Amino acid sequence: MIFGLSHIQLLGAALIAAFLLAGGMYLKGRSDGREAARTASLQSTIDQLTERSRTDEEISEMDDPAICRALGGRVLADGTCD
C-alpha cells in the first residue's frame, strides 16, 4: 500500500490521470489546429486583396483600347471594341 491506497485504487487513479492528460492534450491540439487554419485563411485573404489591388491599379491605368485588347477583343478603326 502506497499513500494508504491499494494497488487497485492506485491503478484507477493512474488511469483517471492518464485520461485527463490525454483529454487536455486533445483539446490543446484542436485549439492549435483551429488557430493555424484561421491564420492561413487570413493570410490567403490578405494575399487576394493585395493581388486585387494590383489588378485594379493596372486596369485603372489602361485606356479603352488597351482594356479591349486585354479582354481578347480587337479595336476597330472607329475606336470601338469588337
PDB file of N, CA and C in Angstrom:
ATOM      1  N   MET A   1       0.830  -1.180   0.000  1.00  0.00           N
ATOM      2  CA  MET A   1       0.000   0.000   0.000  1.00  0.00           C
ATOM      3  C   MET A   1       0.876   1.246   0.000  1.00  0.00           C
ATOM      4  N   ILE A   2       0.619   2.094  -0.947  1.00  0.00           N
ATOM      5  CA  ILE A   2       1.339   3.347  -1.073  1.00  0.00           C
ATOM      6  C   ILE A   2       0.339   4.471  -0.821  1.00  0.00           C
ATOM      7  N   PHE A   3       0.732   5.428   0.003  1.00  0.00           N
ATOM      8  CA  PHE A   3      -0.138   6.542   0.375  1.00  0.00           C
ATOM      9  C   PHE A   3      -1.455   6.064   0.970  1.00  0.00           C
ATOM     10  N   GLY A   4      -1.453   4.910   1.528  1.00  0.00           N
ATOM     11  CA  GLY A   4      -2.656   4.373   2.142  1.00  0.00           C
ATOM     12  C   GLY A   4      -3.672   3.856   1.140  1.00  0.00           C
ATOM     13  N   LEU A   5      -3.253   3.670  -0.126  1.00  0.00           N
ATOM     14  CA  LEU A   5      -4.166   3.199  -1.174  1.00  0.00           C
ATOM     15  C   LEU A   5      -3.742   1.810  -1.625  1.00  0.00           C
ATOM     16  N   SER A   6      -4.714   1.006  -1.997  1.00  0.00           N
ATOM     17  CA  SER A   6      -4.404  -0.333  -2.510  1.00  0.00           C
ATOM     18  C   SER A   6      -3.905  -0.221  -3.951  1.00  0.00           C
ATOM     19  N   HIS A   7      -3.396  -1.318  -4.472  1.00  0.00           N
ATOM     20  CA  HIS A   7      -2.894  -1.328  -5.847  1.00  0.00           C
ATOM     21  C   HIS A   7      -4.021  -1.026  -6.847  1.00  0.00           C
ATOM     22  N   ILE A   8      -5.182  -1.514  -6.604  1.00  0.00           N
ATOM     23  CA  ILE A   8      -6.331  -1.267  -7.486  1.00  0.00           C
ATOM     24  C   ILE A   8      -6.690   0.218  -7.475  1.00  0.00           C
ATOM     25  N   GLN A   9      -6.692   0.830  -6.325  1.00  0.00           N
ATOM     26  CA  GLN A   9      -7.005   2.257  -6.226  1.00  0.00           C
ATOM     27  C   GLN A   9      -5.938   3.090  -6.928  1.00  0.00           C
ATOM     28  N   LEU A  10      -4.672   2.708  -6.773  1.00  0.00           N
ATOM     29  CA  LEU A  10      -3.586   3.426  -7.467  1.00  0.00           C
ATOM     30  C   LEU A  10      -3.723   3.281  -8.975  1.00  0.00           C
ATOM     31  N   LEU A  11      -4.058   2.070  -9.436  1.00  0.00           N
ATOM     32  CA  LEU A  11      -4.260   1.853 -10.867  1.00  0.00           C
ATOM     33  C   LEU A  11      -5.421   2.706 -11.377  1.00  0.00           C
ATOM     34  N   GLY A  12      -6.499   2.757 -10.634  1.00  0.00           N
ATOM     35  CA  GLY A  12      -7.647   3.597 -11.019  1.00  0.00           C
ATOM     36  C   GLY A  12      -7.276   5.065 -11.076  1.00  0.00           C
ATOM     37  N   ALA A  13      -6.528   5.531 -10.088  1.00  0.00           N
ATOM     38  CA  ALA A  13      -6.101   6.929 -10.073  1.00  0.00           C
ATOM     39  C   ALA A  13      -5.174   7.225 -11.250  1.00  0.00           C
ATOM     40  N   ALA A  14      -4.292   6.283 -11.578  1.00  0.00           N
ATOM     41  CA  ALA A  14      -3.377   6.469 -12.713  1.00  0.00           C
ATOM     42  C   ALA A  14      -4.158   6.523 -14.024  1.00  0.00           C
ATOM     43  N   LEU A  15      -5.175   5.676 -14.183  1.00  0.00           N
ATOM     44  CA  LEU A  15      -5.992   5.692 -15.402  1.00  0.00           C
ATOM     45  C   LEU A  15      -6.772   6.995 -15.528  1.00  0.00           C
ATOM     46  N   ILE A  16      -7.318   7.454 -14.431  1.00  0.00           N
ATOM     47  CA  ILE A  16      -8.046   8.730 -14.467  1.00  0.00           C
ATOM     48  C   ILE A  16      -7.103   9.861 -14.847  1.00  0.00           C
ATOM     49  N   ALA A  17      -5.910   9.879 -14.260  1.00  0.00           N
ATOM     50  CA  ALA A  17      -4.930  10.918 -14.582  1.00  0.00           C
ATOM     51  C   ALA A  17      -4.528  10.842 -16.054  1.00  0.00           C
ATOM     52  N   ALA A  18      -4.339   9.628 -16.578  1.00  0.00           N
ATOM     53  CA  ALA A  18      -3.966   9.459 -17.989  1.00  0.00           C
ATOM     54  C   ALA A  18      -5.071   9.979 -18.904  1.00  0.00           C
ATOM     55  N   PHE A  19      -6.333   9.657 -18.582  1.00  0.00           N
ATOM     56  CA  PHE A  19      -7.439  10.154 -19.403  1.00  0.00           C
ATOM     57  C   PHE A  19      -7.545  11.678 -19.350  1.00  0.00           C
ATOM     58  N   LEU A  20      -7.346  12.248 -18.191  1.00  0.00           N
ATOM     59  CA  LEU A  20      -7.392  13.713 -18.074  1.00  0.00           C
ATOM     60  C   LEU A  20      -6.277  14.362 -18.879  1.00  0.00           C
ATOM     61  N   LEU A  21      -5.075  13.800 -18.808  1.00  0.00           N
ATOM     62  CA  LEU A  21      -3.959  14.350 -19.592  1.00  0.00           C
ATOM     63  C   LEU A  21      -4.211  14.201 -21.088  1.00  0.00           C
ATOM     64  N   ALA A  22      -4.689  13.025 -21.486  1.00  0.00           N
ATOM     65  CA  ALA A  22      -4.964  12.796 -22.907  1.00  0.00           C
ATOM     66  C   ALA A  22      -6.053  13.747 -23.402  1.00  0.00           C
ATOM     67  N   GLY A  23      -7.090  13.945 -22.598  1.00  0.00           N
ATOM     68  CA  GLY A  23      -8.161  14.875 -22.982  1.00  0.00           C
ATOM     69  C   GLY A  23      -7.647  16.294 -23.112  1.00  0.00           C
ATOM     70  N   GLY A  24      -6.797  16.702 -22.186  1.00  0.00           N
ATOM     71  CA  GLY A  24      -6.215  18.041 -22.263  1.00  0.00           C
ATOM     72  C   GLY A  24      -5.345  18.213 -23.489  1.00  0.00           C
ATOM     73  N   MET A  25      -4.557  17.183 -23.801  1.00  0.00           N
ATOM     74  CA  MET A  25      -3.699  17.255 -24.996  1.00  0.00           C
ATOM     75  C   MET A  25      -4.544  17.304 -26.259  1.00  0.00           C
ATOM     76  N   TYR A  26      -5.637  16.538 -26.284  1.00  0.00           N
ATOM     77  CA  TYR A  26      -6.533  16.543 -27.436  1.00  0.00           C
ATOM     78  C   TYR A  26      -7.139  17.931 -27.649  1.00  0.00           C
ATOM     79  N   LEU A  27      -7.638  18.521 -26.580  1.00  0.00           N
ATOM     80  CA  LEU A  27      -8.240  19.857 -26.688  1.00  0.00           C
ATOM     81  C   LEU A  27      -7.214  20.900 -27.102  1.00  0.00           C
ATOM     82  N   LYS A  28      -6.001  20.803 -26.571  1.00  0.00           N
ATOM     83  CA  LYS A  28      -4.933  21.740 -26.956  1.00  0.00           C
ATOM     84  C   LYS A  28      -4.615  21.591 -28.442  1.00  0.00           C
ATOM     85  N   GLY A  29      -4.544  20.351 -28.927  1.00  0.00           N
ATOM     86  CA  GLY A  29      -4.281  20.103 -30.349  1.00  0.00           C
ATOM     87  C   GLY A  29      -5.365  20.675 -31.242  1.00  0.00           C
ATOM     88  N   ARG A  30      -6.611  20.493 -30.845  1.00  0.00           N
ATOM     89  CA  ARG A  30      -7.718  21.062 -31.635  1.00  0.00           C
ATOM     90  C   ARG A  30      -7.644  22.581 -31.674  1.00  0.00           C
ATOM     91  N   SER A  31      -7.338  23.174 -30.541  1.00  0.00           N
ATOM     92  CA  SER A  31      -7.229  24.624 -30.459  1.00  0.00           C
ATOM     93  C   SER A  31      -6.100  25.131 -31.351  1.00  0.00           C
ATOM     94  N   ASP A  32      -4.951  24.452 -31.301  1.00  0.00           N
ATOM     95  CA  ASP A  32      -3.818  24.842 -32.140  1.00  0.00           C
ATOM     96  C   ASP A  32      -4.150  24.690 -33.617  1.00  0.00           C
ATOM     97  N   GLY A  33      -4.858  23.614 -33.967  1.00  0.00           N
ATOM     98  CA  GLY A  33      -5.251  23.387 -35.358  1.00  0.00           C
ATOM     99  C   GLY A  33      -6.198  24.458 -35.862  1.00  0.00           C
ATOM    100  N   ARG A  34      -7.139  24.848 -35.024  1.00  0.00           N
ATOM    101  CA  ARG A  34      -8.075  25.919 -35.413  1.00  0.00           C
ATOM    102  C   ARG A  34      -7.322  27.225 -35.617  1.00  0.00           C
ATOM    103  N   GLU A  35      -6.385  27.511 -34.737  1.00  0.00           N
ATOM    104  CA  GLU A  35      -5.617  28.760 -34.846  1.00  0.00           C
ATOM    105  C   GLU A  35      -4.790  28.766 -36.131  1.00  0.00           C
ATOM    106  N   ALA A  36      -4.178  27.628 -36.466  1.00  0.00           N
ATOM    107  CA  ALA A  36      -3.385  27.534 -37.695  1.00  0.00           C
ATOM    108  C   ALA A  36      -4.274  27.730 -38.921  1.00  0.00           C
ATOM    109  N   ALA A  37      -5.463  27.136 -38.913  1.00  0.00           N
ATOM    110  CA  ALA A  37      -6.385  27.291 -40.044  1.00  0.00           C
ATOM    111  C   ALA A  37      -6.859  28.736 -40.158  1.00  0.00           C
ATOM    112  N   ARG A  38      -7.129  29.369 -39.030  1.00  0.00           N
ATOM    113  CA  ARG A  38      -7.568  30.764 -39.029  1.00  0.00           C
ATOM    114  C   ARG A  38      -6.461  31.669 -39.586  1.00  0.00           C
ATOM    115  N   THR A  39      -5.228  31.415 -39.171  1.00  0.00           N
ATOM    116  CA  THR A  39      -4.098  32.220 -39.651  1.00  0.00           C
ATOM    117  C   THR A  39      -3.911  32.041 -41.155  1.00  0.00           C
ATOM    118  N   ALA A  40      -3.997  30.796 -41.630  1.00  0.00           N
ATOM    119  CA  ALA A  40      -3.853  30.537 -43.065  1.00  0.00           C
ATOM    120  C   ALA A  40      -4.963  31.217 -43.856  1.00  0.00           C
ATOM    121  N   SER A  41      -6.175  31.184 -43.337  1.00  0.00           N
ATOM    122  CA  SER A  41      -7.298  31.827 -44.017  1.00  0.00           C
ATOM    123  C   SER A  41      -7.114  33.339 -44.096  1.00  0.00           C
ATOM    124  N   LEU A  42      -6.676  33.939 -43.006  1.00  0.00           N
ATOM    125  CA  LEU A  42      -6.443  35.389 -43.005  1.00  0.00           C
ATOM    126  C   LEU A  42      -5.327  35.765 -43.967  1.00  0.00           C
ATOM    127  N   GLN A  43      -4.255  34.957 -44.011  1.00  0.00           N
ATOM    128  CA  GLN A  43      -3.149  35.252 -44.924  1.00  0.00           C
ATOM    129  C   GLN A  43      -3.614  35.146 -46.369  1.00  0.00           C
ATOM    130  N   SER A  44      -4.442  34.148 -46.661  1.00  0.00           N
ATOM    131  CA  SER A  44      -4.982  33.992 -48.009  1.00  0.00           C
ATOM    132  C   SER A  44      -5.836  35.198 -48.401  1.00  0.00           C
ATOM    133  N   THR A  45      -6.654  35.678 -47.483  1.00  0.00           N
ATOM    134  CA  THR A  45      -7.479  36.856 -47.749  1.00  0.00           C
ATOM    135  C   THR A  45      -6.625  38.082 -48.015  1.00  0.00           C
ATOM    136  N   ILE A  46      -5.575  38.263 -47.222  1.00  0.00           N
ATOM    137  CA  ILE A  46      -4.667  39.396 -47.415  1.00  0.00           C
ATOM    138  C   ILE A  46      -3.992  39.312 -48.779  1.00  0.00           C
ATOM    139  N   ASP A  47      -3.538  38.110 -49.158  1.00  0.00           N
ATOM    140  CA  ASP A  47      -2.891  37.921 -50.458  1.00  0.00           C
ATOM    141  C   ASP A  47      -3.848  38.238 -51.603  1.00  0.00           C
ATOM    142  N   GLN A  48      -5.105  37.786 -51.473  1.00  0.00           N
ATOM    143  CA  GLN A  48      -6.094  38.045 -52.523  1.00  0.00           C
ATOM    144  C   GLN A  48      -6.389  39.539 -52.641  1.00  0.00           C
ATOM    145  N   LEU A  49      -6.518  40.213 -51.523  1.00  0.00           N
ATOM    146  CA  LEU A  49      -6.793  41.652 -51.562  1.00  0.00           C
ATOM    147  C   LEU A  49      -5.617  42.430 -52.143  1.00  0.00           C
ATOM    148  N   THR A  50      -4.417  42.003 -51.825  1.00  0.00           N
ATOM    149  CA  THR A  50      -3.227  42.657 -52.385  1.00  0.00           C
ATOM    150  C   THR A  50      -3.183  42.482 -53.895  1.00  0.00           C
ATOM    151  N   GLU A  51      -3.437  41.257 -54.358  1.00  0.00           N
ATOM    152  CA  GLU A  51      -3.438  40.986 -55.799  1.00  0.00           C
ATOM    153  C   GLU A  51      -4.553  41.765 -56.490  1.00  0.00           C
ATOM    154  N   ARG A  52      -5.718  41.821 -55.872  1.00  0.00           N
ATOM    155  CA  ARG A  52      -6.831  42.571 -56.456  1.00  0.00           C
ATOM    156  C   ARG A  52      -6.489  44.053 -56.564  1.00  0.00           C
ATOM    157  N   SER A  53      -5.814  44.577 -55.563  1.00  0.00           N
ATOM    158  CA  SER A  53      -5.417  45.979 -55.575  1.00  0.00           C
ATOM    159  C   SER A  53      -4.464  46.257 -56.734  1.00  0.00           C
ATOM    160  N   ARG A  54      -3.504  45.328 -56.945  1.00  0.00           N
ATOM    161  CA  ARG A  54      -2.569  45.494 -58.078  1.00  0.00           C
ATOM    162  C   ARG A  54      -3.317  45.452 -59.404  1.00  0.00           C
ATOM    163  N   THR A  55      -4.248  44.508 -59.527  1.00  0.00           N
ATOM    164  CA  THR A  55      -5.025  44.383 -60.764  1.00  0.00           C
ATOM    165  C   THR A  55      -5.859  45.636 -60.998  1.00  0.00           C
ATOM    166  N   ASP A  56      -6.516  46.122 -59.961  1.00  0.00           N
ATOM    167  CA  ASP A  56      -7.321  47.344 -60.093  1.00  0.00           C
ATOM    168  C   ASP A  56      -6.449  48.514 -60.557  1.00  0.00           C
ATOM    169  N   GLU A  57      -5.246  48.603 -60.002  1.00  0.00           N
ATOM    170  CA  GLU A  57      -4.352  49.697 -60.381  1.00  0.00           C
ATOM    171  C   GLU A  57      -3.936  49.586 -61.843  1.00  0.00           C
ATOM    172  N   GLU A  58      -3.614  48.363 -62.288  1.00  0.00           N
ATOM    173  CA  GLU A  58      -3.220  48.166 -63.689  1.00  0.00           C
ATOM    174  C   GLU A  58      -4.367  48.533 -64.635  1.00  0.00           C
ATOM    175  N   ILE A  59      -5.574  48.095 -64.296  1.00  0.00           N
ATOM    176  CA  ILE A  59      -6.723  48.355 -65.162  1.00  0.00           C
ATOM    177  C   ILE A  59      -7.072  49.838 -65.175  1.00  0.00           C
ATOM    178  N   SER A  60      -6.988  50.494 -64.025  1.00  0.00           N
ATOM    179  CA  SER A  60      -7.345  51.913 -63.988  1.00  0.00           C
ATOM    180  C   SER A  60      -6.362  52.763 -64.795  1.00  0.00           C
ATOM    181  N   GLU A  61      -5.153  52.247 -65.016  1.00  0.00           N
ATOM    182  CA  GLU A  61      -4.168  52.986 -65.825  1.00  0.00           C
ATOM    183  C   GLU A  61      -4.334  52.725 -67.321  1.00  0.00           C
ATOM    184  N   MET A  62      -5.175  51.752 -67.715  1.00  0.00           N
ATOM    185  CA  MET A  62      -5.366  51.416 -69.127  1.00  0.00           C
ATOM    186  C   MET A  62      -6.403  52.332 -69.755  1.00  0.00           C
ATOM    187  N   ASP A  63      -6.208  52.605 -71.033  1.00  0.00           N
ATOM    188  CA  ASP A  63      -7.244  53.318 -71.780  1.00  0.00           C
ATOM    189  C   ASP A  63      -8.195  52.274 -72.377  1.00  0.00           C
ATOM    190  N   ASP A  64      -9.269  52.720 -73.012  1.00  0.00           N
ATOM    191  CA  ASP A  64     -10.284  51.801 -73.528  1.00  0.00           C
ATOM    192  C   ASP A  64      -9.723  50.788 -74.527  1.00  0.00           C
ATOM    193  N   PRO A  65      -8.924  51.199 -75.509  1.00  0.00           N
ATOM    194  CA  PRO A  65      -8.375  50.206 -76.441  1.00  0.00           C
ATOM    195  C   PRO A  65      -7.501  49.155 -75.740  1.00  0.00           C
ATOM    196  N   ALA A  66      -6.730  49.551 -74.744  1.00  0.00           N
ATOM    197  CA  ALA A  66      -5.881  48.593 -74.019  1.00  0.00           C
ATOM    198  C   ALA A  66      -6.739  47.586 -73.255  1.00  0.00           C
ATOM    199  N   ILE A  67      -7.832  48.057 -72.662  1.00  0.00           N
ATOM    200  CA  ILE A  67      -8.747  47.148 -71.961  1.00  0.00           C
ATOM    201  C   ILE A  67      -9.379  46.179 -72.951  1.00  0.00           C
ATOM    202  N   CYS A  68      -9.768  46.676 -74.109  1.00  0.00           N
ATOM    203  CA  CYS A  68     -10.356  45.836 -75.149  1.00  0.00           C
ATOM    204  C   CYS A  68      -9.378  44.727 -75.536  1.00  0.00           C
ATOM    205  N   ARG A  69      -8.121  45.083 -75.788  1.00  0.00           N
ATOM    206  CA  ARG A  69      -7.121  44.083 -76.163  1.00  0.00           C
ATOM    207  C   ARG A  69      -6.840  43.102 -75.012  1.00  0.00           C
ATOM    208  N   ALA A  70      -6.821  43.596 -73.792  1.00  0.00           N
ATOM    209  CA  ALA A  70      -6.563  42.728 -72.633  1.00  0.00           C
ATOM    210  C   ALA A  70      -7.668  41.690 -72.472  1.00  0.00           C
ATOM    211  N   LEU A  71      -8.882  42.036 -72.891  1.00  0.00           N
ATOM    212  CA  LEU A  71     -10.007  41.115 -72.806  1.00  0.00           C
ATOM    213  C   LEU A  71     -10.132  40.226 -74.039  1.00  0.00           C
ATOM    214  N   GLY A  72      -9.171  40.325 -74.952  1.00  0.00           N
ATOM    215  CA  GLY A  72      -9.172  39.463 -76.127  1.00  0.00           C
ATOM    216  C   GLY A  72      -9.913  40.034 -77.316  1.00  0.00           C
ATOM    217  N   GLY A  73     -10.323  41.277 -77.221  1.00  0.00           N
ATOM    218  CA  GLY A  73     -11.026  41.899 -78.336  1.00  0.00           C
ATOM    219  C   GLY A  73     -10.057  42.576 -79.288  1.00  0.00           C
ATOM    220  N   ARG A  74     -10.619  43.153 -80.322  1.00  0.00           N
ATOM    221  CA  ARG A  74      -9.780  43.929 -81.251  1.00  0.00           C
ATOM    222  C   ARG A  74     -10.431  45.304 -81.418  1.00  0.00           C
ATOM    223  N   VAL A  75      -9.580  46.283 -81.536  1.00  0.00           N
ATOM    224  CA  VAL A  75     -10.042  47.655 -81.656  1.00  0.00           C
ATOM    225  C   VAL A  75     -10.237  47.953 -83.146  1.00  0.00           C
ATOM    226  N   LEU A  76     -11.449  48.397 -83.482  1.00  0.00           N
ATOM    227  CA  LEU A  76     -11.756  48.726 -84.875  1.00  0.00           C
ATOM    228  C   LEU A  76     -11.269  50.130 -85.185  1.00  0.00           C
ATOM    229  N   ALA A  77     -11.281  50.469 -86.465  1.00  0.00           N
ATOM    230  CA  ALA A  77     -10.781  51.765 -86.916  1.00  0.00           C
ATOM    231  C   ALA A  77     -11.541  52.927 -86.275  1.00  0.00           C
ATOM    232  N   ASP A  78     -12.806  52.737 -85.985  1.00  0.00           N
ATOM    233  CA  ASP A  78     -13.569  53.823 -85.361  1.00  0.00           C
ATOM    234  C   ASP A  78     -13.376  53.880 -83.835  1.00  0.00           C
ATOM    235  N   GLY A  79     -12.513  52.997 -83.293  1.00  0.00           N
ATOM    236  CA  GLY A  79     -12.200  53.023 -81.867  1.00  0.00           C
ATOM    237  C   GLY A  79     -13.062  52.133 -81.009  1.00  0.00           C
ATOM    238  N   THR A  80     -14.025  51.447 -81.627  1.00  0.00           N
ATOM    239  CA  THR A  80     -14.881  50.554 -80.848  1.00  0.00           C
ATOM    240  C   THR A  80     -14.206  49.188 -80.693  1.00  0.00           C
ATOM    241  N   CYS A  81     -14.685  48.473 -79.714  1.00  0.00           N
ATOM    242  CA  CYS A  81     -14.115  47.165 -79.413  1.00  0.00           C
ATOM    243  C   CYS A  81     -14.992  46.084 -80.015  1.00  0.00           C
ATOM    244  N   ASP A  82     -14.362  45.123 -80.647  1.00  0.00           N
ATOM    245  CA  ASP A  82     -15.106  44.024 -81.256  1.00  0.00           C
ATOM    246  C   ASP A  82     -14.646  42.717 -80.669  1.00  0.00           C
TER     247      ASP A  82
END
